[in-house]
Amino acid sequence: MTPPDRLRALLDQPGFIVMPAVWDGLSAKLAANAGFATAFMSGSCVAASRLGGPDLDLISFGEMLNSLEMVRGAAPGTLVLADGDHGYGNAINVQRTVSAYGRAGAAAVLIEDKVTPRALTAAGKPCLPRDEARMKIRAAVEAAKESGILVMARTDCRPTQGIEEAVGRIELFVEEGADLLFLDSPADEAEIRRAVAASRGRPHFAVLSPGAPRETPSQARAAELGLKIGTFPTGLLSPAVAGIRSGLAALAAGQSAADGALPPTELSATLGYGAYEAAARPFML
C-alpha cells in the first residue's frame, strides 16, 4: 500500500489520532521509535529549526521539500502530513507543491488560504478572497490524482472574517474534494462543532498546542467534539529548545553535560551506530 492508501485506512479506523509535529530526521526518527504511526511536518517547526526564527512565511518551497526528504529518509514508515503552507504562489504553484510532496512520499499535504506574500507584520492572518482560495484547493485536488496524496484544506479566515465565512469555506473545500479539513483558530467548542459538521463526515484536524488565542481541548475532549487528528507543534520543539538551553547552561557552569542528558551508550544506540555497523559488515574487506 502507498502512504496515502495507508493513511486512508488509518483514518477509517475508530479513535483519535495524535500526530506529533516533526521537522527533521532526528525528530521524525524519535517519533517513530516512540510508536507514532503518523507525523505532521510542521512549517512552524521547520522555520524554527532551519532559521531559528518565527513562522512568518519566510521558509521556501525548496527548504520544505528538503525537510520532507529528511523526515522520510529517517522514518520511511511514518505517514507524513506535510505542511504545504499557501502552496508558495498561485494555483499552479500549488500544483507543483502537491505533486512534489506526493512524489517524495508524503501521505497528505496541507494547503491554506492565507495571502502570500504576507504584509510586513507578525499580526493577523489576512486571507485570499473566497473564490481564489477555492481555486487553490481545486488545483491541489487535481494535482493529487497523480500520486493519490490526500489534500488537507485549511482556512485561516476565522480571526479576520468570522466563523460564518470560515464555515462557508470549509463547505466549499469539501465540494472541491478535499480529503481532510482544518479550521484554524476556533474561538470555542461550539465553533469546533460547526467546523466538524461542515466537514460532512470527512476527518477534521486541529492544532492542540496551548498558548495561542484558540480553543485547545484535551485529546479526550477533542475526540468527543468530533475531531479526528490533533497535532502539537510545540510538543517536541519546546522541550528540545529547553534541552539545548540546559546543555548550554551546563557547559557554561563548567560541567561536561546537563543532568538530564542521555548516557553516551543510549545516545549512540538512538542515533543508529549499531545498525550502521551491522549494515556495513557484509561490505568490509
C-alpha atoms as a PDB file:
ATOM      1  CA  MET A   1       0.000   0.000   0.000  1.00  0.00           C
ATOM      2  CA  THR A   2       1.135   3.525  -0.729  1.00  0.00           C
ATOM      3  CA  PRO A   3       1.465   6.056   2.113  1.00  0.00           C
ATOM      4  CA  PRO A   4      -1.796   7.782   1.075  1.00  0.00           C
ATOM      5  CA  ASP A   5      -3.613   4.434   0.985  1.00  0.00           C
ATOM      6  CA  ARG A   6      -2.248   3.529   4.401  1.00  0.00           C
ATOM      7  CA  LEU A   7      -3.369   6.870   5.817  1.00  0.00           C
ATOM      8  CA  ARG A   8      -6.846   6.425   4.361  1.00  0.00           C
ATOM      9  CA  ALA A   9      -7.065   3.029   6.027  1.00  0.00           C
ATOM     10  CA  LEU A  10      -5.933   4.506   9.335  1.00  0.00           C
ATOM     11  CA  LEU A  11      -8.479   7.311   9.111  1.00  0.00           C
ATOM     12  CA  ASP A  12     -11.231   4.750   8.553  1.00  0.00           C
ATOM     13  CA  GLN A  13     -10.446   3.149  11.899  1.00  0.00           C
ATOM     14  CA  PRO A  14     -12.123   4.439  15.065  1.00  0.00           C
ATOM     15  CA  GLY A  15     -10.202   6.591  17.506  1.00  0.00           C
ATOM     16  CA  PHE A  16      -8.447   9.937  17.740  1.00  0.00           C
ATOM     17  CA  ILE A  17      -5.047  10.232  16.021  1.00  0.00           C
ATOM     18  CA  VAL A  18      -2.264  12.009  17.902  1.00  0.00           C
ATOM     19  CA  MET A  19       0.145  13.375  15.301  1.00  0.00           C
ATOM     20  CA  PRO A  20       3.478  14.679  16.656  1.00  0.00           C
ATOM     21  CA  ALA A  21       4.944  17.663  14.837  1.00  0.00           C
ATOM     22  CA  VAL A  22       8.415  16.952  13.440  1.00  0.00           C
ATOM     23  CA  TRP A  23      10.899  18.944  11.417  1.00  0.00           C
ATOM     24  CA  ASP A  24      13.973  16.849  10.561  1.00  0.00           C
ATOM     25  CA  GLY A  25      15.394  13.348  10.526  1.00  0.00           C
ATOM     26  CA  LEU A  26      16.076  13.106  14.249  1.00  0.00           C
ATOM     27  CA  SER A  27      12.664  14.346  15.387  1.00  0.00           C
ATOM     28  CA  ALA A  28      10.948  12.035  12.889  1.00  0.00           C
ATOM     29  CA  LYS A  29      13.019   9.038  13.950  1.00  0.00           C
ATOM     30  CA  LEU A  30      12.345   9.631  17.638  1.00  0.00           C
ATOM     31  CA  ALA A  31       8.601   9.941  16.999  1.00  0.00           C
ATOM     32  CA  ALA A  32       8.598   6.694  15.027  1.00  0.00           C
ATOM     33  CA  ASN A  33      10.633   4.921  17.710  1.00  0.00           C
ATOM     34  CA  ALA A  34       8.084   6.087  20.283  1.00  0.00           C
ATOM     35  CA  GLY A  35       5.389   4.224  18.370  1.00  0.00           C
ATOM     36  CA  PHE A  36       3.651   7.034  16.483  1.00  0.00           C
ATOM     37  CA  ALA A  37       2.451   5.915  13.054  1.00  0.00           C
ATOM     38  CA  THR A  38       1.905   9.448  11.778  1.00  0.00           C
ATOM     39  CA  ALA A  39       3.666  12.811  11.962  1.00  0.00           C
ATOM     40  CA  PHE A  40       2.959  16.369  10.877  1.00  0.00           C
ATOM     41  CA  MET A  41       5.910  18.055   9.203  1.00  0.00           C
ATOM     42  CA  SER A  42       5.089  21.463  10.636  1.00  0.00           C
ATOM     43  CA  GLY A  43       6.073  24.648   8.856  1.00  0.00           C
ATOM     44  CA  SER A  44       6.467  26.452  12.160  1.00  0.00           C
ATOM     45  CA  CYS A  45       8.851  23.776  13.427  1.00  0.00           C
ATOM     46  CA  VAL A  46      10.825  23.772  10.166  1.00  0.00           C
ATOM     47  CA  ALA A  47      11.128  27.561  10.374  1.00  0.00           C
ATOM     48  CA  ALA A  48      12.340  27.306  13.952  1.00  0.00           C
ATOM     49  CA  SER A  49      14.916  24.637  13.173  1.00  0.00           C
ATOM     50  CA  ARG A  50      16.203  25.965   9.849  1.00  0.00           C
ATOM     51  CA  LEU A  51      16.015  29.699  10.502  1.00  0.00           C
ATOM     52  CA  GLY A  52      15.993  29.893  14.267  1.00  0.00           C
ATOM     53  CA  GLY A  53      13.060  32.177  13.660  1.00  0.00           C
ATOM     54  CA  PRO A  54       9.275  32.571  13.658  1.00  0.00           C
ATOM     55  CA  ASP A  55       6.654  31.042  11.393  1.00  0.00           C
ATOM     56  CA  LEU A  56       6.016  34.078   9.194  1.00  0.00           C
ATOM     57  CA  ASP A  57       6.163  32.637   5.664  1.00  0.00           C
ATOM     58  CA  LEU A  58       9.930  33.010   5.400  1.00  0.00           C
ATOM     59  CA  ILE A  59      10.556  29.351   4.556  1.00  0.00           C
ATOM     60  CA  SER A  60      10.646  28.459   0.855  1.00  0.00           C
ATOM     61  CA  PHE A  61       9.189  25.548  -1.080  1.00  0.00           C
ATOM     62  CA  GLY A  62      12.668  24.105  -1.663  1.00  0.00           C
ATOM     63  CA  GLU A  63      13.509  24.167   2.042  1.00  0.00           C
ATOM     64  CA  MET A  64      10.240  22.481   2.949  1.00  0.00           C
ATOM     65  CA  LEU A  65      10.695  19.777   0.313  1.00  0.00           C
ATOM     66  CA  ASN A  66      14.220  19.141   1.568  1.00  0.00           C
ATOM     67  CA  SER A  67      12.887  18.842   5.113  1.00  0.00           C
ATOM     68  CA  LEU A  68      10.299  16.326   3.921  1.00  0.00           C
ATOM     69  CA  GLU A  69      13.060  14.278   2.301  1.00  0.00           C
ATOM     70  CA  MET A  70      14.960  14.272   5.613  1.00  0.00           C
ATOM     71  CA  VAL A  71      11.870  13.201   7.539  1.00  0.00           C
ATOM     72  CA  ARG A  72      11.057  10.430   5.071  1.00  0.00           C
ATOM     73  CA  GLY A  73      14.667   9.244   4.966  1.00  0.00           C
ATOM     74  CA  ALA A  74      14.909   8.855   8.723  1.00  0.00           C
ATOM     75  CA  ALA A  75      11.405   7.442   9.252  1.00  0.00           C
ATOM     76  CA  PRO A  76      10.333   5.824   5.980  1.00  0.00           C
ATOM     77  CA  GLY A  77       7.399   4.011   7.566  1.00  0.00           C
ATOM     78  CA  THR A  78       5.845   7.124   9.075  1.00  0.00           C
ATOM     79  CA  LEU A  79       2.743   8.535   7.421  1.00  0.00           C
ATOM     80  CA  VAL A  80       3.676  12.182   6.966  1.00  0.00           C
ATOM     81  CA  LEU A  81       1.249  15.067   6.653  1.00  0.00           C
ATOM     82  CA  ALA A  82       3.447  17.707   5.010  1.00  0.00           C
ATOM     83  CA  ASP A  83       2.759  21.393   5.532  1.00  0.00           C
ATOM     84  CA  GLY A  84       2.378  22.949   2.090  1.00  0.00           C
ATOM     85  CA  ASP A  85       1.585  26.372   3.579  1.00  0.00           C
ATOM     86  CA  HIS A  86      -0.095  28.535   0.907  1.00  0.00           C
ATOM     87  CA  GLY A  87       1.369  26.445  -1.915  1.00  0.00           C
ATOM     88  CA  TYR A  88       4.169  29.020  -2.397  1.00  0.00           C
ATOM     89  CA  GLY A  89       2.321  31.021  -5.017  1.00  0.00           C
ATOM     90  CA  ASN A  90      -0.735  30.785  -7.239  1.00  0.00           C
ATOM     91  CA  ALA A  91      -2.799  27.734  -8.188  1.00  0.00           C
ATOM     92  CA  ILE A  92      -0.089  26.389 -10.493  1.00  0.00           C
ATOM     93  CA  ASN A  93       2.475  26.751  -7.691  1.00  0.00           C
ATOM     94  CA  VAL A  94       0.061  24.789  -5.507  1.00  0.00           C
ATOM     95  CA  GLN A  95       0.010  22.003  -8.078  1.00  0.00           C
ATOM     96  CA  ARG A  96       3.795  21.892  -8.195  1.00  0.00           C
ATOM     97  CA  THR A  97       3.927  21.681  -4.400  1.00  0.00           C
ATOM     98  CA  VAL A  98       1.335  18.902  -4.196  1.00  0.00           C
ATOM     99  CA  SER A  99       2.965  16.895  -6.982  1.00  0.00           C
ATOM    100  CA  ALA A 100       6.436  17.189  -5.472  1.00  0.00           C
ATOM    101  CA  TYR A 101       5.261  16.214  -1.988  1.00  0.00           C
ATOM    102  CA  GLY A 102       3.413  13.251  -3.456  1.00  0.00           C
ATOM    103  CA  ARG A 103       6.480  12.036  -5.350  1.00  0.00           C
ATOM    104  CA  ALA A 104       8.547  12.447  -2.162  1.00  0.00           C
ATOM    105  CA  GLY A 105       6.256  10.034  -0.324  1.00  0.00           C
ATOM    106  CA  ALA A 106       4.080  12.288   1.823  1.00  0.00           C
ATOM    107  CA  ALA A 107       0.746  10.736   2.742  1.00  0.00           C
ATOM    108  CA  ALA A 108      -1.060  14.092   2.842  1.00  0.00           C
ATOM    109  CA  VAL A 109      -0.412  17.767   2.178  1.00  0.00           C
ATOM    110  CA  LEU A 110      -1.877  20.863   3.849  1.00  0.00           C
ATOM    111  CA  ILE A 111      -2.839  23.871   1.713  1.00  0.00           C
ATOM    112  CA  GLU A 112      -4.115  27.061   3.359  1.00  0.00           C
ATOM    113  CA  ASP A 113      -5.909  30.199   2.222  1.00  0.00           C
ATOM    114  CA  LYS A 114      -3.613  32.897   3.637  1.00  0.00           C
ATOM    115  CA  VAL A 115      -2.333  35.707   1.442  1.00  0.00           C
ATOM    116  CA  THR A 116       1.246  35.432   0.195  1.00  0.00           C
ATOM    117  CA  PRO A 117       3.485  37.315   0.426  1.00  0.00           C
ATOM    118  CA  ARG A 118       2.109  38.413   3.761  1.00  0.00           C
ATOM    119  CA  ALA A 119       2.193  42.027   4.923  1.00  0.00           C
ATOM    120  CA  LEU A 120       5.322  43.090   6.799  1.00  0.00           C
ATOM    121  CA  THR A 121       3.860  42.409  10.214  1.00  0.00           C
ATOM    122  CA  ALA A 122       3.525  39.431  12.525  1.00  0.00           C
ATOM    123  CA  ALA A 123      -0.054  40.430  13.386  1.00  0.00           C
ATOM    124  CA  GLY A 124      -3.135  38.933  11.780  1.00  0.00           C
ATOM    125  CA  LYS A 125      -3.746  36.319   9.111  1.00  0.00           C
ATOM    126  CA  PRO A 126      -5.099  38.058   6.008  1.00  0.00           C
ATOM    127  CA  CYS A 127      -6.685  35.539   3.649  1.00  0.00           C
ATOM    128  CA  LEU A 128      -7.405  35.272  -0.042  1.00  0.00           C
ATOM    129  CA  PRO A 129     -10.856  36.040  -1.409  1.00  0.00           C
ATOM    130  CA  ARG A 130     -13.121  33.007  -1.113  1.00  0.00           C
ATOM    131  CA  ASP A 131     -13.183  32.152  -4.834  1.00  0.00           C
ATOM    132  CA  GLU A 132      -9.409  32.374  -5.165  1.00  0.00           C
ATOM    133  CA  ALA A 133      -8.983  30.114  -2.131  1.00  0.00           C
ATOM    134  CA  ARG A 134     -11.430  27.663  -3.669  1.00  0.00           C
ATOM    135  CA  MET A 135      -9.410  27.541  -6.895  1.00  0.00           C
ATOM    136  CA  LYS A 136      -6.260  26.720  -4.935  1.00  0.00           C
ATOM    137  CA  ILE A 137      -7.961  23.723  -3.360  1.00  0.00           C
ATOM    138  CA  ARG A 138      -9.359  22.697  -6.754  1.00  0.00           C
ATOM    139  CA  ALA A 139      -5.825  22.840  -8.159  1.00  0.00           C
ATOM    140  CA  ALA A 140      -4.474  20.818  -5.236  1.00  0.00           C
ATOM    141  CA  VAL A 141      -7.111  18.091  -5.611  1.00  0.00           C
ATOM    142  CA  GLU A 142      -6.420  17.828  -9.327  1.00  0.00           C
ATOM    143  CA  ALA A 143      -2.653  17.549  -8.800  1.00  0.00           C
ATOM    144  CA  ALA A 144      -3.153  14.955  -6.042  1.00  0.00           C
ATOM    145  CA  LYS A 145      -4.566  12.470  -8.562  1.00  0.00           C
ATOM    146  CA  GLU A 146      -1.015  11.803  -9.771  1.00  0.00           C
ATOM    147  CA  SER A 147       0.166  10.200  -6.524  1.00  0.00           C
ATOM    148  CA  GLY A 148      -3.027   9.752  -4.542  1.00  0.00           C
ATOM    149  CA  ILE A 149      -1.760  12.086  -1.807  1.00  0.00           C
ATOM    150  CA  LEU A 150      -4.547  13.330   0.465  1.00  0.00           C
ATOM    151  CA  VAL A 151      -5.323  17.055   0.443  1.00  0.00           C
ATOM    152  CA  MET A 152      -5.999  18.889   3.691  1.00  0.00           C
ATOM    153  CA  ALA A 153      -7.712  22.240   3.137  1.00  0.00           C
ATOM    154  CA  ARG A 154      -7.123  24.804   5.864  1.00  0.00           C
ATOM    155  CA  THR A 155      -8.851  28.111   6.381  1.00  0.00           C
ATOM    156  CA  ASP A 156      -7.241  30.837   8.474  1.00  0.00           C
ATOM    157  CA  CYS A 157     -10.005  33.377   7.988  1.00  0.00           C
ATOM    158  CA  ARG A 158     -11.745  32.932  11.355  1.00  0.00           C
ATOM    159  CA  PRO A 159      -9.840  35.737  13.189  1.00  0.00           C
ATOM    160  CA  THR A 160     -10.277  38.312  10.406  1.00  0.00           C
ATOM    161  CA  GLN A 161     -13.544  37.383   8.675  1.00  0.00           C
ATOM    162  CA  GLY A 162     -15.526  35.482  11.292  1.00  0.00           C
ATOM    163  CA  ILE A 163     -16.855  31.985  11.821  1.00  0.00           C
ATOM    164  CA  GLU A 164     -19.608  32.233   9.192  1.00  0.00           C
ATOM    165  CA  GLU A 165     -17.078  32.832   6.433  1.00  0.00           C
ATOM    166  CA  ALA A 166     -14.778  30.126   7.809  1.00  0.00           C
ATOM    167  CA  VAL A 167     -17.551  27.526   7.864  1.00  0.00           C
ATOM    168  CA  GLY A 168     -18.622  28.571   4.373  1.00  0.00           C
ATOM    169  CA  ARG A 169     -15.101  27.981   3.117  1.00  0.00           C
ATOM    170  CA  ILE A 170     -14.932  24.550   4.705  1.00  0.00           C
ATOM    171  CA  GLU A 171     -18.151  23.628   2.901  1.00  0.00           C
ATOM    172  CA  LEU A 172     -16.680  24.826  -0.406  1.00  0.00           C
ATOM    173  CA  PHE A 173     -13.462  22.897   0.175  1.00  0.00           C
ATOM    174  CA  VAL A 174     -15.488  19.738   0.769  1.00  0.00           C
ATOM    175  CA  GLU A 175     -17.300  20.353  -2.523  1.00  0.00           C
ATOM    176  CA  GLU A 176     -13.932  20.672  -4.257  1.00  0.00           C
ATOM    177  CA  GLY A 177     -12.889  17.236  -2.994  1.00  0.00           C
ATOM    178  CA  ALA A 178     -10.600  17.981  -0.055  1.00  0.00           C
ATOM    179  CA  ASP A 179      -9.926  14.816   1.939  1.00  0.00           C
ATOM    180  CA  LEU A 180      -9.330  16.484   5.304  1.00  0.00           C
ATOM    181  CA  LEU A 181     -10.382  19.852   6.704  1.00  0.00           C
ATOM    182  CA  PHE A 182      -8.858  22.291   9.177  1.00  0.00           C
ATOM    183  CA  LEU A 183     -10.395  25.358  10.826  1.00  0.00           C
ATOM    184  CA  ASP A 184      -7.576  27.393  12.321  1.00  0.00           C
ATOM    185  CA  SER A 185      -8.160  29.409  15.497  1.00  0.00           C
ATOM    186  CA  PRO A 186     -11.651  28.340  16.622  1.00  0.00           C
ATOM    187  CA  ALA A 187     -12.837  30.558  19.451  1.00  0.00           C
ATOM    188  CA  ASP A 188     -14.704  27.900  21.432  1.00  0.00           C
ATOM    189  CA  GLU A 189     -16.110  24.377  21.358  1.00  0.00           C
ATOM    190  CA  ALA A 190     -19.234  25.498  19.538  1.00  0.00           C
ATOM    191  CA  GLU A 191     -17.121  26.678  16.612  1.00  0.00           C
ATOM    192  CA  ILE A 192     -15.220  23.384  16.578  1.00  0.00           C
ATOM    193  CA  ARG A 193     -18.528  21.517  16.367  1.00  0.00           C
ATOM    194  CA  ARG A 194     -19.668  23.740  13.489  1.00  0.00           C
ATOM    195  CA  ALA A 195     -16.432  23.132  11.600  1.00  0.00           C
ATOM    196  CA  VAL A 196     -16.673  19.383  12.117  1.00  0.00           C
ATOM    197  CA  ALA A 197     -20.281  19.402  10.905  1.00  0.00           C
ATOM    198  CA  ALA A 198     -19.303  21.434   7.833  1.00  0.00           C
ATOM    199  CA  SER A 199     -16.704  18.780   7.005  1.00  0.00           C
ATOM    200  CA  ARG A 200     -19.592  16.398   6.230  1.00  0.00           C
ATOM    201  CA  GLY A 201     -18.040  13.293   7.658  1.00  0.00           C
ATOM    202  CA  ARG A 202     -14.536  13.934   6.377  1.00  0.00           C
ATOM    203  CA  PRO A 203     -11.784  13.932   9.008  1.00  0.00           C
ATOM    204  CA  HIS A 204     -11.151  17.235  10.738  1.00  0.00           C
ATOM    205  CA  PHE A 205      -7.721  18.287  12.012  1.00  0.00           C
ATOM    206  CA  ALA A 206      -6.788  20.612  14.870  1.00  0.00           C
ATOM    207  CA  VAL A 207      -3.728  22.220  16.438  1.00  0.00           C
ATOM    208  CA  LEU A 208      -3.894  21.479  20.151  1.00  0.00           C
ATOM    209  CA  SER A 209      -0.705  23.098  21.478  1.00  0.00           C
ATOM    210  CA  PRO A 210      -1.528  25.571  24.253  1.00  0.00           C
ATOM    211  CA  GLY A 211      -0.600  29.236  24.258  1.00  0.00           C
ATOM    212  CA  ALA A 212      -2.287  30.683  21.166  1.00  0.00           C
ATOM    213  CA  PRO A 213      -5.634  32.525  21.113  1.00  0.00           C
ATOM    214  CA  ARG A 214      -7.704  29.485  20.115  1.00  0.00           C
ATOM    215  CA  GLU A 215      -9.719  26.747  21.750  1.00  0.00           C
ATOM    216  CA  THR A 216      -7.379  23.875  22.653  1.00  0.00           C
ATOM    217  CA  PRO A 217      -9.292  20.936  24.106  1.00  0.00           C
ATOM    218  CA  SER A 218      -7.577  17.922  25.614  1.00  0.00           C
ATOM    219  CA  GLN A 219      -7.111  14.852  23.449  1.00  0.00           C
ATOM    220  CA  ALA A 220     -10.097  13.148  25.037  1.00  0.00           C
ATOM    221  CA  ARG A 221     -12.309  16.203  24.651  1.00  0.00           C
ATOM    222  CA  ALA A 222     -11.161  16.734  21.047  1.00  0.00           C
ATOM    223  CA  ALA A 223     -12.378  13.247  20.223  1.00  0.00           C
ATOM    224  CA  GLU A 224     -15.718  13.954  21.899  1.00  0.00           C
ATOM    225  CA  LEU A 225     -16.093  17.083  19.761  1.00  0.00           C
ATOM    226  CA  GLY A 226     -15.675  15.026  16.587  1.00  0.00           C
ATOM    227  CA  LEU A 227     -12.097  15.948  15.731  1.00  0.00           C
ATOM    228  CA  LYS A 228     -10.102  13.114  14.154  1.00  0.00           C
ATOM    229  CA  ILE A 229      -6.479  14.336  14.222  1.00  0.00           C
ATOM    230  CA  GLY A 230      -4.648  16.539  16.707  1.00  0.00           C
ATOM    231  CA  THR A 231      -1.149  17.891  16.304  1.00  0.00           C
ATOM    232  CA  PHE A 232       1.064  19.658  18.834  1.00  0.00           C
ATOM    233  CA  PRO A 233       3.637  21.908  17.087  1.00  0.00           C
ATOM    234  CA  THR A 234       5.328  22.936  20.342  1.00  0.00           C
ATOM    235  CA  GLY A 235       5.037  19.464  21.888  1.00  0.00           C
ATOM    236  CA  LEU A 236       8.503  18.355  20.756  1.00  0.00           C
ATOM    237  CA  LEU A 237      10.007  21.687  19.774  1.00  0.00           C
ATOM    238  CA  SER A 238       9.648  23.376  23.159  1.00  0.00           C
ATOM    239  CA  PRO A 239      11.281  20.526  25.132  1.00  0.00           C
ATOM    240  CA  ALA A 240      14.042  20.391  22.511  1.00  0.00           C
ATOM    241  CA  VAL A 241      14.775  24.093  22.995  1.00  0.00           C
ATOM    242  CA  ALA A 242      14.688  23.630  26.766  1.00  0.00           C
ATOM    243  CA  GLY A 243      17.092  20.691  26.487  1.00  0.00           C
ATOM    244  CA  ILE A 244      19.584  22.642  24.378  1.00  0.00           C
ATOM    245  CA  ARG A 245      19.443  25.539  26.819  1.00  0.00           C
ATOM    246  CA  SER A 246      20.056  23.112  29.671  1.00  0.00           C
ATOM    247  CA  GLY A 247      23.094  21.698  27.905  1.00  0.00           C
ATOM    248  CA  LEU A 248      24.498  25.149  27.211  1.00  0.00           C
ATOM    249  CA  ALA A 249      23.973  26.182  30.834  1.00  0.00           C
ATOM    250  CA  ALA A 250      25.832  23.075  31.995  1.00  0.00           C
ATOM    251  CA  LEU A 251      28.794  23.851  29.743  1.00  0.00           C
ATOM    252  CA  ALA A 252      28.850  27.462  30.920  1.00  0.00           C
ATOM    253  CA  ALA A 253      28.899  26.192  34.517  1.00  0.00           C
ATOM    254  CA  GLY A 254      31.954  24.041  33.877  1.00  0.00           C
ATOM    255  CA  GLN A 255      30.128  20.704  33.566  1.00  0.00           C
ATOM    256  CA  SER A 256      30.555  18.203  30.747  1.00  0.00           C
ATOM    257  CA  ALA A 257      26.840  17.535  30.298  1.00  0.00           C
ATOM    258  CA  ALA A 258      23.481  18.531  31.699  1.00  0.00           C
ATOM    259  CA  ASP A 259      21.912  16.393  34.391  1.00  0.00           C
ATOM    260  CA  GLY A 260      19.172  15.267  32.037  1.00  0.00           C
ATOM    261  CA  ALA A 261      21.485  14.283  29.169  1.00  0.00           C
ATOM    262  CA  LEU A 262      21.258  10.765  27.736  1.00  0.00           C
ATOM    263  CA  PRO A 263      24.064   8.367  28.681  1.00  0.00           C
ATOM    264  CA  PRO A 264      26.546   8.081  25.777  1.00  0.00           C
ATOM    265  CA  THR A 265      25.601   4.477  25.034  1.00  0.00           C
ATOM    266  CA  GLU A 266      21.901   5.337  24.822  1.00  0.00           C
ATOM    267  CA  LEU A 267      22.587   8.301  22.548  1.00  0.00           C
ATOM    268  CA  SER A 268      24.725   6.154  20.232  1.00  0.00           C
ATOM    269  CA  ALA A 269      22.030   3.490  20.069  1.00  0.00           C
ATOM    270  CA  THR A 270      19.350   6.074  19.354  1.00  0.00           C
ATOM    271  CA  LEU A 271      21.387   7.530  16.505  1.00  0.00           C
ATOM    272  CA  GLY A 272      21.868   4.073  14.982  1.00  0.00           C
ATOM    273  CA  TYR A 273      25.584   3.418  15.274  1.00  0.00           C
ATOM    274  CA  GLY A 274      24.969  -0.290  15.904  1.00  0.00           C
ATOM    275  CA  ALA A 275      22.625  -0.568  12.927  1.00  0.00           C
ATOM    276  CA  TYR A 276      25.227   1.101  10.731  1.00  0.00           C
ATOM    277  CA  GLU A 277      27.883  -1.395  11.771  1.00  0.00           C
ATOM    278  CA  ALA A 278      25.544  -4.289  11.014  1.00  0.00           C
ATOM    279  CA  ALA A 279      24.684  -2.888   7.590  1.00  0.00           C
ATOM    280  CA  ALA A 280      28.340  -2.268   6.744  1.00  0.00           C
ATOM    281  CA  ARG A 281      29.624  -5.690   7.826  1.00  0.00           C
ATOM    282  CA  PRO A 282      28.891  -7.518   4.503  1.00  0.00           C
ATOM    283  CA  PHE A 283      30.977  -4.958   2.625  1.00  0.00           C
ATOM    284  CA  MET A 284      34.070  -4.944   4.826  1.00  0.00           C
ATOM    285  CA  LEU A 285      37.288  -6.152   3.192  1.00  0.00           C
END
